[in-house]
Amino acid sequence: MGQQGREHKSVMPAEVLEFLQCTAGGLYVDGTLGGGGHTALILEATAPDGRVIGLDIDSDAIAEAKCFLEPLAVGQS
């Protein structure tokens, strides 16, 4: 997962996926959406029909994450 000019690196990605025990079709909440790195990992691990609800207080972070995650979006509500 990369985006030109993107500098954010998700912290402990393998540990997050191991802890969550992601499964296909699962529903997860990312309460610190930030740049969308963990959300992207979760979506990839739960493909093809996993879903993540991403929350963040920073509207700029939400906008950035939306652009970053758009290629992974299959259906949006």
N, C-alpha and C. Protein backbone atom coordinates (compact mmCIF):
# COMPACT_ATOMS: atom_id res chain seq x y z
N MET A 1 0.86 -1.17 0.00
CA MET A 1 0.00 0.00 0.00
C MET A 1 0.89 1.22 0.00
N GLY A 2 0.85 1.97 -1.01
CA GLY A 2 1.63 3.18 -1.02
C GLY A 2 0.93 4.25 -1.80
N GLN A 3 1.23 5.46 -1.45
CA GLN A 3 0.67 6.61 -2.14
C GLN A 3 1.80 7.60 -2.27
N GLN A 4 2.05 8.06 -3.49
CA GLN A 4 3.16 8.97 -3.71
C GLN A 4 3.06 10.18 -2.80
N GLY A 5 4.19 10.49 -2.13
CA GLY A 5 4.21 11.63 -1.23
C GLY A 5 3.69 11.31 0.16
N ARG A 6 3.24 10.12 0.37
CA ARG A 6 2.67 9.72 1.65
C ARG A 6 3.79 9.29 2.58
N GLU A 7 3.87 9.91 3.77
CA GLU A 7 4.95 9.62 4.70
C GLU A 7 4.50 8.82 5.92
N HIS A 8 3.23 8.70 6.15
CA HIS A 8 2.72 8.03 7.34
C HIS A 8 3.04 6.54 7.31
N LYS A 9 3.52 6.02 8.43
CA LYS A 9 3.75 4.59 8.59
C LYS A 9 2.91 4.10 9.77
N SER A 10 2.13 3.08 9.54
CA SER A 10 1.33 2.51 10.63
C SER A 10 2.25 1.86 11.65
N VAL A 11 1.93 2.03 12.91
CA VAL A 11 2.70 1.47 13.99
C VAL A 11 2.26 0.03 14.26
N MET A 12 3.20 -0.87 14.34
CA MET A 12 2.97 -2.28 14.69
C MET A 12 1.86 -2.94 13.85
N PRO A 13 1.94 -2.88 12.53
CA PRO A 13 0.87 -3.44 11.70
C PRO A 13 0.65 -4.94 11.89
N ALA A 14 1.72 -5.72 12.00
CA ALA A 14 1.56 -7.16 12.17
C ALA A 14 0.88 -7.48 13.50
N GLU A 15 1.26 -6.74 14.55
CA GLU A 15 0.68 -6.96 15.87
C GLU A 15 -0.80 -6.60 15.90
N VAL A 16 -1.16 -5.54 15.20
CA VAL A 16 -2.57 -5.13 15.14
C VAL A 16 -3.40 -6.22 14.49
N LEU A 17 -2.93 -6.73 13.35
CA LEU A 17 -3.68 -7.78 12.66
C LEU A 17 -3.75 -9.06 13.49
N GLU A 18 -2.67 -9.39 14.17
CA GLU A 18 -2.66 -10.59 15.01
C GLU A 18 -3.65 -10.43 16.17
N PHE A 19 -3.65 -9.28 16.82
CA PHE A 19 -4.54 -9.04 17.94
C PHE A 19 -6.01 -9.08 17.51
N LEU A 20 -6.32 -8.46 16.37
CA LEU A 20 -7.71 -8.40 15.90
C LEU A 20 -8.21 -9.73 15.35
N GLN A 21 -7.29 -10.59 14.93
CA GLN A 21 -7.66 -11.87 14.31
C GLN A 21 -8.71 -11.65 13.22
N CYS A 22 -8.35 -10.80 12.27
CA CYS A 22 -9.26 -10.42 11.18
C CYS A 22 -9.72 -11.63 10.37
N THR A 23 -10.99 -11.63 10.03
CA THR A 23 -11.56 -12.69 9.20
C THR A 23 -12.35 -12.07 8.06
N ALA A 24 -12.42 -12.78 6.96
CA ALA A 24 -13.19 -12.30 5.81
C ALA A 24 -14.62 -12.00 6.24
N GLY A 25 -15.11 -10.88 5.77
CA GLY A 25 -16.48 -10.49 6.07
C GLY A 25 -16.68 -9.84 7.43
N GLY A 26 -15.60 -9.67 8.19
CA GLY A 26 -15.72 -9.09 9.52
C GLY A 26 -16.03 -7.60 9.49
N LEU A 27 -16.52 -7.11 10.61
CA LEU A 27 -16.80 -5.69 10.78
C LEU A 27 -15.92 -5.19 11.92
N TYR A 28 -15.15 -4.13 11.65
CA TYR A 28 -14.18 -3.60 12.60
C TYR A 28 -14.35 -2.10 12.73
N VAL A 29 -13.88 -1.55 13.84
CA VAL A 29 -13.92 -0.11 14.07
C VAL A 29 -12.49 0.37 14.29
N ASP A 30 -12.11 1.37 13.53
CA ASP A 30 -10.82 2.03 13.72
C ASP A 30 -11.13 3.39 14.35
N GLY A 31 -10.92 3.49 15.65
CA GLY A 31 -11.28 4.70 16.38
C GLY A 31 -10.27 5.82 16.26
N THR A 32 -9.15 5.54 15.60
CA THR A 32 -8.12 6.56 15.35
C THR A 32 -7.72 6.44 13.89
N LEU A 33 -8.62 6.78 13.00
CA LEU A 33 -8.44 6.59 11.56
C LEU A 33 -7.14 7.17 11.03
N GLY A 34 -6.83 8.40 11.43
CA GLY A 34 -5.58 9.02 10.97
C GLY A 34 -5.44 8.96 9.47
N GLY A 35 -4.30 8.46 8.99
CA GLY A 35 -4.05 8.36 7.56
C GLY A 35 -4.67 7.15 6.90
N GLY A 36 -5.29 6.27 7.67
CA GLY A 36 -5.98 5.12 7.11
C GLY A 36 -5.13 3.87 6.96
N GLY A 37 -3.92 3.89 7.49
CA GLY A 37 -3.02 2.75 7.33
C GLY A 37 -3.53 1.45 7.94
N HIS A 38 -3.98 1.51 9.21
CA HIS A 38 -4.50 0.30 9.83
C HIS A 38 -5.80 -0.14 9.17
N THR A 39 -6.62 0.81 8.79
CA THR A 39 -7.87 0.47 8.11
C THR A 39 -7.59 -0.26 6.81
N ALA A 40 -6.60 0.19 6.06
CA ALA A 40 -6.23 -0.47 4.81
C ALA A 40 -5.78 -1.91 5.08
N LEU A 41 -4.96 -2.09 6.10
CA LEU A 41 -4.50 -3.44 6.45
C LEU A 41 -5.67 -4.35 6.82
N ILE A 42 -6.61 -3.80 7.59
CA ILE A 42 -7.77 -4.59 8.00
C ILE A 42 -8.63 -4.94 6.79
N LEU A 43 -8.85 -3.99 5.91
CA LEU A 43 -9.65 -4.26 4.71
C LEU A 43 -8.99 -5.33 3.84
N GLU A 44 -7.69 -5.26 3.69
CA GLU A 44 -6.99 -6.27 2.90
C GLU A 44 -7.10 -7.65 3.55
N ALA A 45 -7.00 -7.69 4.89
CA ALA A 45 -7.07 -8.96 5.61
C ALA A 45 -8.47 -9.55 5.64
N THR A 46 -9.48 -8.73 5.42
CA THR A 46 -10.87 -9.20 5.50
C THR A 46 -11.55 -9.25 4.14
N ALA A 47 -10.77 -9.06 3.10
CA ALA A 47 -11.32 -9.09 1.73
C ALA A 47 -11.98 -10.44 1.46
N PRO A 48 -12.98 -10.49 0.64
CA PRO A 48 -13.43 -9.40 -0.22
C PRO A 48 -14.58 -8.58 0.36
N ASP A 49 -15.08 -8.96 1.54
CA ASP A 49 -16.29 -8.30 2.02
C ASP A 49 -16.18 -7.77 3.45
N GLY A 50 -14.95 -7.55 3.93
CA GLY A 50 -14.80 -6.96 5.26
C GLY A 50 -15.17 -5.49 5.24
N ARG A 51 -15.52 -4.98 6.41
CA ARG A 51 -15.90 -3.57 6.53
C ARG A 51 -15.23 -2.96 7.74
N VAL A 52 -14.88 -1.68 7.61
CA VAL A 52 -14.28 -0.95 8.72
C VAL A 52 -15.01 0.38 8.86
N ILE A 53 -15.37 0.70 10.08
CA ILE A 53 -15.92 2.01 10.39
C ILE A 53 -14.75 2.82 10.95
N GLY A 54 -14.38 3.89 10.25
CA GLY A 54 -13.25 4.71 10.67
C GLY A 54 -13.72 6.02 11.29
N LEU A 55 -13.16 6.33 12.45
CA LEU A 55 -13.52 7.55 13.18
C LEU A 55 -12.27 8.37 13.46
N ASP A 56 -12.40 9.67 13.39
CA ASP A 56 -11.30 10.56 13.77
C ASP A 56 -11.88 11.94 14.03
N ILE A 57 -11.31 12.63 14.99
CA ILE A 57 -11.77 13.98 15.30
C ILE A 57 -11.25 15.00 14.30
N ASP A 58 -10.18 14.65 13.60
CA ASP A 58 -9.51 15.55 12.66
C ASP A 58 -10.12 15.41 11.27
N SER A 59 -10.85 16.41 10.83
CA SER A 59 -11.52 16.34 9.53
C SER A 59 -10.52 16.27 8.37
N ASP A 60 -9.33 16.85 8.53
CA ASP A 60 -8.30 16.74 7.50
C ASP A 60 -7.81 15.30 7.37
N ALA A 61 -7.66 14.63 8.50
CA ALA A 61 -7.24 13.22 8.50
C ALA A 61 -8.30 12.36 7.82
N ILE A 62 -9.55 12.65 8.07
CA ILE A 62 -10.63 11.89 7.43
C ILE A 62 -10.59 12.08 5.92
N ALA A 63 -10.38 13.30 5.47
CA ALA A 63 -10.31 13.58 4.03
C ALA A 63 -9.13 12.86 3.40
N GLU A 64 -7.98 12.88 4.07
CA GLU A 64 -6.79 12.19 3.56
C GLU A 64 -7.02 10.69 3.50
N ALA A 65 -7.58 10.14 4.56
CA ALA A 65 -7.84 8.70 4.61
C ALA A 65 -8.84 8.29 3.54
N LYS A 66 -9.83 9.11 3.31
CA LYS A 66 -10.83 8.80 2.28
C LYS A 66 -10.17 8.66 0.92
N CYS A 67 -9.27 9.57 0.58
CA CYS A 67 -8.55 9.49 -0.69
C CYS A 67 -7.66 8.26 -0.74
N PHE A 68 -6.95 7.99 0.35
CA PHE A 68 -6.05 6.86 0.43
C PHE A 68 -6.79 5.52 0.32
N LEU A 69 -7.96 5.44 0.95
CA LEU A 69 -8.70 4.18 1.01
C LEU A 69 -9.64 3.97 -0.17
N GLU A 70 -9.88 4.99 -0.95
CA GLU A 70 -10.84 4.89 -2.06
C GLU A 70 -10.60 3.69 -2.97
N PRO A 71 -9.35 3.36 -3.31
CA PRO A 71 -9.13 2.19 -4.17
C PRO A 71 -9.58 0.86 -3.53
N LEU A 72 -9.70 0.83 -2.21
CA LEU A 72 -10.12 -0.39 -1.52
C LEU A 72 -11.63 -0.47 -1.34
N ALA A 73 -12.33 0.61 -1.62
CA ALA A 73 -13.77 0.67 -1.38
C ALA A 73 -14.51 -0.15 -2.43
N VAL A 74 -15.30 -1.10 -1.93
CA VAL A 74 -16.13 -1.91 -2.82
C VAL A 74 -17.55 -1.36 -2.83
N GLY A 75 -18.05 -1.06 -1.66
CA GLY A 75 -19.38 -0.47 -1.52
C GLY A 75 -19.36 0.45 -0.33
N GLN A 76 -20.00 1.57 -0.45
CA GLN A 76 -20.00 2.53 0.65
C GLN A 76 -21.42 2.87 1.01
N SER A 77 -21.64 3.07 2.29
CA SER A 77 -22.98 3.45 2.76
C SER A 77 -22.95 4.87 3.22
